[in-house]
Structure formats: structure tokens, C-alpha cells
Amino acid sequence: MTEKEIQLLGFEVSYDDGGGDWDKYHYYTYTVGRGFQFISNASDEVGEDGQWYIEFFNSDPEIRFKDFGEVQSLINLLEKRIVKSE
């Protein structure tokens, strides 16, 4: 998955200074609901192929997605199932 595809999915960018420069690296998050969030790998963890991935935040075991279409389908499915309180 490319960084552009992550942005197209509506993920929000966050910066971490790593104790130095304010923009040392960045990553993306997407919150479906309280306590249910996706997170990308950090920009300093992207391999030479330039590919990014998405994981469930704080899951054990890690659950990782690398395919744009899978992530898009999963987010759409989860967003449709949110129960709105009246």
C-alpha cells in the first residue's frame, strides 16, 4: 500500500520527533470508535519498496494489512455497523 492510498482512506497524519527534530518521522491513524483504531507503520520503517501497512492498534497478536482494497472494505464494513445512540 502506498502512503497516498493511506491518505485516500482518510487516515490522519501524526508526527513524532523521536527526541529530536519535530518531523523526524510520521505515521497515520484511523479511529473507528473509542478504543478501536488502526495505525500505520512509521515513515522511518518503510522499506526500500516504499510500501506501507496498516495494523489494529495495540492488538495481540498483530493483525496487519498491506492491500488497499482489503483495508478499504474493512473500514467500510466497520463504519456501516456502528450503532448510533439515539
PDB file of N, CA and C in Angstrom:
ATOM      1  N   MET A   1       0.861  -1.162   0.000  1.00  0.00           N
ATOM      2  CA  MET A   1       0.000   0.000   0.000  1.00  0.00           C
ATOM      3  C   MET A   1       0.910   1.228   0.000  1.00  0.00           C
ATOM      4  N   THR A   2       0.496   2.238  -0.699  1.00  0.00           N
ATOM      5  CA  THR A   2       1.296   3.460  -0.758  1.00  0.00           C
ATOM      6  C   THR A   2       0.815   4.459   0.294  1.00  0.00           C
ATOM      7  N   GLU A   3       1.651   5.439   0.561  1.00  0.00           N
ATOM      8  CA  GLU A   3       1.275   6.497   1.501  1.00  0.00           C
ATOM      9  C   GLU A   3       0.060   7.264   0.977  1.00  0.00           C
ATOM     10  N   LYS A   4       0.008   7.492  -0.307  1.00  0.00           N
ATOM     11  CA  LYS A   4      -1.128   8.191  -0.915  1.00  0.00           C
ATOM     12  C   LYS A   4      -2.423   7.417  -0.691  1.00  0.00           C
ATOM     13  N   GLU A   5      -2.377   6.088  -0.809  1.00  0.00           N
ATOM     14  CA  GLU A   5      -3.573   5.273  -0.579  1.00  0.00           C
ATOM     15  C   GLU A   5      -4.041   5.377   0.869  1.00  0.00           C
ATOM     16  N   ILE A   6      -3.105   5.421   1.801  1.00  0.00           N
ATOM     17  CA  ILE A   6      -3.466   5.591   3.215  1.00  0.00           C
ATOM     18  C   ILE A   6      -4.179   6.928   3.399  1.00  0.00           C
ATOM     19  N   GLN A   7      -3.682   7.958   2.766  1.00  0.00           N
ATOM     20  CA  GLN A   7      -4.312   9.273   2.847  1.00  0.00           C
ATOM     21  C   GLN A   7      -5.705   9.243   2.225  1.00  0.00           C
ATOM     22  N   LEU A   8      -5.859   8.544   1.109  1.00  0.00           N
ATOM     23  CA  LEU A   8      -7.167   8.446   0.448  1.00  0.00           C
ATOM     24  C   LEU A   8      -8.201   7.747   1.336  1.00  0.00           C
ATOM     25  N   LEU A   9      -7.754   6.848   2.197  1.00  0.00           N
ATOM     26  CA  LEU A   9      -8.659   6.151   3.109  1.00  0.00           C
ATOM     27  C   LEU A   9      -9.128   7.033   4.263  1.00  0.00           C
ATOM     28  N   GLY A  10      -8.549   8.204   4.402  1.00  0.00           N
ATOM     29  CA  GLY A  10      -8.967   9.128   5.449  1.00  0.00           C
ATOM     30  C   GLY A  10      -8.154   9.049   6.724  1.00  0.00           C
ATOM     31  N   PHE A  11      -6.997   8.417   6.670  1.00  0.00           N
ATOM     32  CA  PHE A  11      -6.140   8.349   7.848  1.00  0.00           C
ATOM     33  C   PHE A  11      -5.570   9.726   8.152  1.00  0.00           C
ATOM     34  N   GLU A  12      -5.368  10.003   9.428  1.00  0.00           N
ATOM     35  CA  GLU A  12      -4.810  11.285   9.866  1.00  0.00           C
ATOM     36  C   GLU A  12      -3.331  11.103  10.166  1.00  0.00           C
ATOM     37  N   VAL A  13      -2.536  12.082   9.769  1.00  0.00           N
ATOM     38  CA  VAL A  13      -1.095  12.010   9.979  1.00  0.00           C
ATOM     39  C   VAL A  13      -0.733  12.516  11.372  1.00  0.00           C
ATOM     40  N   SER A  14       0.248  11.878  11.985  1.00  0.00           N
ATOM     41  CA  SER A  14       0.810  12.304  13.273  1.00  0.00           C
ATOM     42  C   SER A  14       2.322  12.337  13.123  1.00  0.00           C
ATOM     43  N   TYR A  15       2.940  13.291  13.796  1.00  0.00           N
ATOM     44  CA  TYR A  15       4.397  13.433  13.735  1.00  0.00           C
ATOM     45  C   TYR A  15       4.981  13.094  15.091  1.00  0.00           C
ATOM     46  N   ASP A  16       6.147  12.486  15.080  1.00  0.00           N
ATOM     47  CA  ASP A  16       6.860  12.175  16.310  1.00  0.00           C
ATOM     48  C   ASP A  16       8.289  12.650  16.128  1.00  0.00           C
ATOM     49  N   ASP A  17       8.779  13.361  17.113  1.00  0.00           N
ATOM     50  CA  ASP A  17      10.116  13.920  16.969  1.00  0.00           C
ATOM     51  C   ASP A  17      11.214  12.935  17.347  1.00  0.00           C
ATOM     52  N   GLY A  18      10.844  11.829  17.992  1.00  0.00           N
ATOM     53  CA  GLY A  18      11.859  10.854  18.362  1.00  0.00           C
ATOM     54  C   GLY A  18      12.928  11.444  19.251  1.00  0.00           C
ATOM     55  N   GLY A  19      12.571  12.540  19.949  1.00  0.00           N
ATOM     56  CA  GLY A  19      13.525  13.179  20.839  1.00  0.00           C
ATOM     57  C   GLY A  19      14.431  14.188  20.138  1.00  0.00           C
ATOM     58  N   GLY A  20      14.120  14.507  18.893  1.00  0.00           N
ATOM     59  CA  GLY A  20      14.968  15.445  18.142  1.00  0.00           C
ATOM     60  C   GLY A  20      14.132  16.371  17.306  1.00  0.00           C
ATOM     61  N   ASP A  21      14.391  16.366  16.015  1.00  0.00           N
ATOM     62  CA  ASP A  21      13.645  17.217  15.095  1.00  0.00           C
ATOM     63  C   ASP A  21      12.160  16.891  15.157  1.00  0.00           C
ATOM     64  N   TRP A  22      11.314  17.914  15.055  1.00  0.00           N
ATOM     65  CA  TRP A  22       9.858  17.712  15.202  1.00  0.00           C
ATOM     66  C   TRP A  22       9.281  16.821  14.128  1.00  0.00           C
ATOM     67  N   ASP A  23       9.900  16.775  12.975  1.00  0.00           N
ATOM     68  CA  ASP A  23       9.341  15.990  11.871  1.00  0.00           C
ATOM     69  C   ASP A  23      10.232  14.806  11.503  1.00  0.00           C
ATOM     70  N   LYS A  24      10.851  14.199  12.496  1.00  0.00           N
ATOM     71  CA  LYS A  24      11.771  13.097  12.224  1.00  0.00           C
ATOM     72  C   LYS A  24      11.069  11.951  11.490  1.00  0.00           C
ATOM     73  N   TYR A  25       9.877  11.596  11.952  1.00  0.00           N
ATOM     74  CA  TYR A  25       9.095  10.592  11.233  1.00  0.00           C
ATOM     75  C   TYR A  25       7.619  10.836  11.474  1.00  0.00           C
ATOM     76  N   HIS A  26       6.791  10.202  10.647  1.00  0.00           N
ATOM     77  CA  HIS A  26       5.345  10.342  10.781  1.00  0.00           C
ATOM     78  C   HIS A  26       4.678   8.991  10.551  1.00  0.00           C
ATOM     79  N   TYR A  27       3.444   8.920  10.979  1.00  0.00           N
ATOM     80  CA  TYR A  27       2.643   7.713  10.809  1.00  0.00           C
ATOM     81  C   TYR A  27       1.191   8.149  10.688  1.00  0.00           C
ATOM     82  N   TYR A  28       0.306   7.200  10.418  1.00  0.00           N
ATOM     83  CA  TYR A  28      -1.102   7.524  10.193  1.00  0.00           C
ATOM     84  C   TYR A  28      -1.991   6.712  11.130  1.00  0.00           C
ATOM     85  N   THR A  29      -3.106   7.315  11.538  1.00  0.00           N
ATOM     86  CA  THR A  29      -4.090   6.617  12.370  1.00  0.00           C
ATOM     87  C   THR A  29      -5.489   6.840  11.805  1.00  0.00           C
ATOM     88  N   TYR A  30      -6.351   5.889  12.092  1.00  0.00           N
ATOM     89  CA  TYR A  30      -7.760   5.978  11.712  1.00  0.00           C
ATOM     90  C   TYR A  30      -8.562   5.401  12.866  1.00  0.00           C
ATOM     91  N   THR A  31      -9.448   6.200  13.439  1.00  0.00           N
ATOM     92  CA  THR A  31     -10.257   5.762  14.567  1.00  0.00           C
ATOM     93  C   THR A  31     -11.655   5.423  14.095  1.00  0.00           C
ATOM     94  N   VAL A  32     -12.063   4.179  14.339  1.00  0.00           N
ATOM     95  CA  VAL A  32     -13.411   3.736  14.009  1.00  0.00           C
ATOM     96  C   VAL A  32     -14.343   4.099  15.160  1.00  0.00           C
ATOM     97  N   GLY A  33     -13.890   3.887  16.366  1.00  0.00           N
ATOM     98  CA  GLY A  33     -14.646   4.194  17.570  1.00  0.00           C
ATOM     99  C   GLY A  33     -13.701   4.192  18.757  1.00  0.00           C
ATOM    100  N   ARG A  34     -14.184   4.610  19.896  1.00  0.00           N
ATOM    101  CA  ARG A  34     -13.352   4.669  21.095  1.00  0.00           C
ATOM    102  C   ARG A  34     -12.709   3.299  21.347  1.00  0.00           C
ATOM    103  N   GLY A  35     -11.392   3.291  21.436  1.00  0.00           N
ATOM    104  CA  GLY A  35     -10.667   2.060  21.701  1.00  0.00           C
ATOM    105  C   GLY A  35     -10.499   1.155  20.496  1.00  0.00           C
ATOM    106  N   PHE A  36     -10.900   1.615  19.311  1.00  0.00           N
ATOM    107  CA  PHE A  36     -10.795   0.796  18.105  1.00  0.00           C
ATOM    108  C   PHE A  36     -10.144   1.643  17.029  1.00  0.00           C
ATOM    109  N   GLN A  37      -8.849   1.403  16.843  1.00  0.00           N
ATOM    110  CA  GLN A  37      -8.076   2.276  15.965  1.00  0.00           C
ATOM    111  C   GLN A  37      -7.104   1.466  15.103  1.00  0.00           C
ATOM    112  N   PHE A  38      -6.879   1.973  13.908  1.00  0.00           N
ATOM    113  CA  PHE A  38      -5.851   1.433  13.020  1.00  0.00           C
ATOM    114  C   PHE A  38      -4.648   2.363  13.072  1.00  0.00           C
ATOM    115  N   ILE A  39      -3.465   1.797  12.867  1.00  0.00           N
ATOM    116  CA  ILE A  39      -2.241   2.590  12.833  1.00  0.00           C
ATOM    117  C   ILE A  39      -1.343   2.050  11.725  1.00  0.00           C
ATOM    118  N   SER A  40      -0.621   2.941  11.073  1.00  0.00           N
ATOM    119  CA  SER A  40       0.314   2.515  10.027  1.00  0.00           C
ATOM    120  C   SER A  40       1.698   2.320  10.635  1.00  0.00           C
ATOM    121  N   ASN A  41       2.577   1.738   9.842  1.00  0.00           N
ATOM    122  CA  ASN A  41       3.975   1.756  10.224  1.00  0.00           C
ATOM    123  C   ASN A  41       4.455   3.203  10.111  1.00  0.00           C
ATOM    124  N   ALA A  42       5.578   3.495  10.734  1.00  0.00           N
ATOM    125  CA  ALA A  42       6.136   4.845  10.690  1.00  0.00           C
ATOM    126  C   ALA A  42       6.946   5.037   9.417  1.00  0.00           C
ATOM    127  N   SER A  43       7.074   6.294   9.015  1.00  0.00           N
ATOM    128  CA  SER A  43       7.792   6.594   7.773  1.00  0.00           C
ATOM    129  C   SER A  43       9.235   6.108   7.807  1.00  0.00           C
ATOM    130  N   ASP A  44       9.838   6.040   8.991  1.00  0.00           N
ATOM    131  CA  ASP A  44      11.211   5.554   9.072  1.00  0.00           C
ATOM    132  C   ASP A  44      11.294   4.026   9.079  1.00  0.00           C
ATOM    133  N   GLU A  45      10.131   3.351   8.983  1.00  0.00           N
ATOM    134  CA  GLU A  45      10.082   1.898   8.925  1.00  0.00           C
ATOM    135  C   GLU A  45       9.684   1.383   7.535  1.00  0.00           C
ATOM    136  N   VAL A  46       9.436   2.300   6.610  1.00  0.00           N
ATOM    137  CA  VAL A  46       9.043   1.918   5.262  1.00  0.00           C
ATOM    138  C   VAL A  46      10.261   1.343   4.554  1.00  0.00           C
ATOM    139  N   GLY A  47      10.086   0.184   3.948  1.00  0.00           N
ATOM    140  CA  GLY A  47      11.188  -0.480   3.259  1.00  0.00           C
ATOM    141  C   GLY A  47      11.583   0.212   1.968  1.00  0.00           C
ATOM    142  N   GLU A  48      12.579  -0.332   1.330  1.00  0.00           N
ATOM    143  CA  GLU A  48      13.065   0.227   0.073  1.00  0.00           C
ATOM    144  C   GLU A  48      12.001   0.206  -1.016  1.00  0.00           C
ATOM    145  N   ASP A  49      11.033  -0.711  -0.882  1.00  0.00           N
ATOM    146  CA  ASP A  49       9.956  -0.791  -1.875  1.00  0.00           C
ATOM    147  C   ASP A  49       8.918   0.311  -1.692  1.00  0.00           C
ATOM    148  N   GLY A  50       9.023   1.094  -0.614  1.00  0.00           N
ATOM    149  CA  GLY A  50       8.115   2.213  -0.380  1.00  0.00           C
ATOM    150  C   GLY A  50       6.727   1.812   0.091  1.00  0.00           C
ATOM    151  N   GLN A  51       6.557   0.558   0.455  1.00  0.00           N
ATOM    152  CA  GLN A  51       5.234   0.068   0.846  1.00  0.00           C
ATOM    153  C   GLN A  51       4.958   0.287   2.333  1.00  0.00           C
ATOM    154  N   TRP A  52       3.725   0.671   2.609  1.00  0.00           N
ATOM    155  CA  TRP A  52       3.234   0.893   3.955  1.00  0.00           C
ATOM    156  C   TRP A  52       2.281  -0.240   4.315  1.00  0.00           C
ATOM    157  N   TYR A  53       1.971  -0.362   5.601  1.00  0.00           N
ATOM    158  CA  TYR A  53       0.960  -1.315   6.045  1.00  0.00           C
ATOM    159  C   TYR A  53       0.142  -0.711   7.175  1.00  0.00           C
ATOM    160  N   ILE A  54      -0.989  -1.338   7.450  1.00  0.00           N
ATOM    161  CA  ILE A  54      -1.921  -0.903   8.490  1.00  0.00           C
ATOM    162  C   ILE A  54      -2.095  -2.048   9.481  1.00  0.00           C
ATOM    163  N   GLU A  55      -2.172  -1.713  10.772  1.00  0.00           N
ATOM    164  CA  GLU A  55      -2.421  -2.707  11.815  1.00  0.00           C
ATOM    165  C   GLU A  55      -3.533  -2.220  12.735  1.00  0.00           C
ATOM    166  N   PHE A  56      -4.157  -3.166  13.436  1.00  0.00           N
ATOM    167  CA  PHE A  56      -5.014  -2.785  14.550  1.00  0.00           C
ATOM    168  C   PHE A  56      -4.094  -2.274  15.639  1.00  0.00           C
ATOM    169  N   PHE A  57      -4.438  -1.152  16.262  1.00  0.00           N
ATOM    170  CA  PHE A  57      -3.606  -0.565  17.308  1.00  0.00           C
ATOM    171  C   PHE A  57      -3.679  -1.413  18.577  1.00  0.00           C
ATOM    172  N   ASN A  58      -2.529  -1.726  19.140  1.00  0.00           N
ATOM    173  CA  ASN A  58      -2.402  -2.468  20.401  1.00  0.00           C
ATOM    174  C   ASN A  58      -3.093  -3.824  20.380  1.00  0.00           C
ATOM    175  N   SER A  59      -2.974  -4.565  19.301  1.00  0.00           N
ATOM    176  CA  SER A  59      -3.570  -5.895  19.257  1.00  0.00           C
ATOM    177  C   SER A  59      -2.497  -6.953  19.520  1.00  0.00           C
ATOM    178  N   ASP A  60      -2.927  -8.039  20.083  1.00  0.00           N
ATOM    179  CA  ASP A  60      -2.035  -9.165  20.317  1.00  0.00           C
ATOM    180  C   ASP A  60      -2.789 -10.434  19.988  1.00  0.00           C
ATOM    181  N   PRO A  61      -2.455 -11.075  18.910  1.00  0.00           N
ATOM    182  CA  PRO A  61      -1.303 -10.847  18.036  1.00  0.00           C
ATOM    183  C   PRO A  61      -1.533  -9.663  17.101  1.00  0.00           C
ATOM    184  N   GLU A  62      -0.466  -9.227  16.464  1.00  0.00           N
ATOM    185  CA  GLU A  62      -0.585  -8.156  15.482  1.00  0.00           C
ATOM    186  C   GLU A  62      -1.396  -8.649  14.291  1.00  0.00           C
ATOM    187  N   ILE A  63      -2.253  -7.784  13.795  1.00  0.00           N
ATOM    188  CA  ILE A  63      -3.050  -8.091  12.610  1.00  0.00           C
ATOM    189  C   ILE A  63      -2.718  -7.015  11.589  1.00  0.00           C
ATOM    190  N   ARG A  64      -2.106  -7.418  10.491  1.00  0.00           N
ATOM    191  CA  ARG A  64      -1.527  -6.475   9.536  1.00  0.00           C
ATOM    192  C   ARG A  64      -2.171  -6.607   8.163  1.00  0.00           C
ATOM    193  N   PHE A  65      -2.382  -5.455   7.520  1.00  0.00           N
ATOM    194  CA  PHE A  65      -2.938  -5.391   6.174  1.00  0.00           C
ATOM    195  C   PHE A  65      -1.991  -4.603   5.282  1.00  0.00           C
ATOM    196  N   LYS A  66      -1.778  -5.110   4.078  1.00  0.00           N
ATOM    197  CA  LYS A  66      -0.904  -4.436   3.118  1.00  0.00           C
ATOM    198  C   LYS A  66      -1.635  -4.058   1.836  1.00  0.00           C
ATOM    199  N   ASP A  67      -2.874  -4.494   1.698  1.00  0.00           N
ATOM    200  CA  ASP A  67      -3.632  -4.289   0.462  1.00  0.00           C
ATOM    201  C   ASP A  67      -4.673  -3.189   0.647  1.00  0.00           C
ATOM    202  N   PHE A  68      -4.624  -2.178  -0.206  1.00  0.00           N
ATOM    203  CA  PHE A  68      -5.550  -1.046  -0.144  1.00  0.00           C
ATOM    204  C   PHE A  68      -7.008  -1.498  -0.168  1.00  0.00           C
ATOM    205  N   GLY A  69      -7.353  -2.377  -1.094  1.00  0.00           N
ATOM    206  CA  GLY A  69      -8.735  -2.827  -1.245  1.00  0.00           C
ATOM    207  C   GLY A  69      -9.256  -3.530  -0.008  1.00  0.00           C
ATOM    208  N   GLU A  70      -8.419  -4.332   0.634  1.00  0.00           N
ATOM    209  CA  GLU A  70      -8.835  -5.013   1.867  1.00  0.00           C
ATOM    210  C   GLU A  70      -9.107  -4.013   2.979  1.00  0.00           C
ATOM    211  N   VAL A  71      -8.220  -3.050   3.129  1.00  0.00           N
ATOM    212  CA  VAL A  71      -8.402  -2.043   4.191  1.00  0.00           C
ATOM    213  C   VAL A  71      -9.635  -1.201   3.913  1.00  0.00           C
ATOM    214  N   GLN A  72      -9.827  -0.818   2.669  1.00  0.00           N
ATOM    215  CA  GLN A  72     -10.996  -0.022   2.301  1.00  0.00           C
ATOM    216  C   GLN A  72     -12.282  -0.790   2.603  1.00  0.00           C
ATOM    217  N   SER A  73     -12.336  -2.059   2.241  1.00  0.00           N
ATOM    218  CA  SER A  73     -13.518  -2.884   2.505  1.00  0.00           C
ATOM    219  C   SER A  73     -13.760  -3.042   4.000  1.00  0.00           C
ATOM    220  N   LEU A  74     -12.703  -3.276   4.755  1.00  0.00           N
ATOM    221  CA  LEU A  74     -12.836  -3.452   6.195  1.00  0.00           C
ATOM    222  C   LEU A  74     -13.350  -2.182   6.869  1.00  0.00           C
ATOM    223  N   ILE A  75     -12.785  -1.049   6.506  1.00  0.00           N
ATOM    224  CA  ILE A  75     -13.245   0.222   7.091  1.00  0.00           C
ATOM    225  C   ILE A  75     -14.704   0.476   6.729  1.00  0.00           C
ATOM    226  N   ASN A  76     -15.073   0.253   5.477  1.00  0.00           N
ATOM    227  CA  ASN A  76     -16.463   0.447   5.054  1.00  0.00           C
ATOM    228  C   ASN A  76     -17.404  -0.451   5.843  1.00  0.00           C
ATOM    229  N   LEU A  77     -17.041  -1.706   6.011  1.00  0.00           N
ATOM    230  CA  LEU A  77     -17.865  -2.647   6.764  1.00  0.00           C
ATOM    231  C   LEU A  77     -18.010  -2.212   8.225  1.00  0.00           C
ATOM    232  N   LEU A  78     -16.917  -1.839   8.850  1.00  0.00           N
ATOM    233  CA  LEU A  78     -16.973  -1.417  10.255  1.00  0.00           C
ATOM    234  C   LEU A  78     -17.776  -0.132  10.433  1.00  0.00           C
ATOM    235  N   GLU A  79     -17.570   0.819   9.542  1.00  0.00           N
ATOM    236  CA  GLU A  79     -18.296   2.091   9.644  1.00  0.00           C
ATOM    237  C   GLU A  79     -19.815   1.879   9.482  1.00  0.00           C
ATOM    238  N   LYS A  80     -20.216   0.936   8.621  1.00  0.00           N
ATOM    239  CA  LYS A  80     -21.649   0.644   8.422  1.00  0.00           C
ATOM    240  C   LYS A  80     -22.274   0.029   9.660  1.00  0.00           C
ATOM    241  N   ARG A  81     -21.488  -0.668  10.466  1.00  0.00           N
ATOM    242  CA  ARG A  81     -22.013  -1.399  11.619  1.00  0.00           C
ATOM    243  C   ARG A  81     -21.998  -0.610  12.928  1.00  0.00           C
ATOM    244  N   ILE A  82     -21.569   0.630  12.869  1.00  0.00           N
ATOM    245  CA  ILE A  82     -21.570   1.459  14.080  1.00  0.00           C
ATOM    246  C   ILE A  82     -23.023   1.722  14.490  1.00  0.00           C
ATOM    247  N   VAL A  83     -23.332   1.433  15.743  1.00  0.00           N
ATOM    248  CA  VAL A  83     -24.660   1.666  16.276  1.00  0.00           C
ATOM    249  C   VAL A  83     -24.712   3.090  16.811  1.00  0.00           C
ATOM    250  N   LYS A  84     -25.575   3.891  16.219  1.00  0.00           N
ATOM    251  CA  LYS A  84     -25.734   5.277  16.633  1.00  0.00           C
ATOM    252  C   LYS A  84     -26.676   5.345  17.824  1.00  0.00           C
ATOM    253  N   SER A  85     -26.240   6.022  18.882  1.00  0.00           N
ATOM    254  CA  SER A  85     -27.146   6.164  20.028  1.00  0.00           C
ATOM    255  C   SER A  85     -28.159   7.255  19.742  1.00  0.00           C
ATOM    256  N   GLU A  86     -29.360   7.028  20.212  1.00  0.00           N
ATOM    257  CA  GLU A  86     -30.453   7.985  19.920  1.00  0.00           C
ATOM    258  C   GLU A  86     -30.652   8.950  21.043  1.00  0.00           C
TER     259      GLU A  86
END
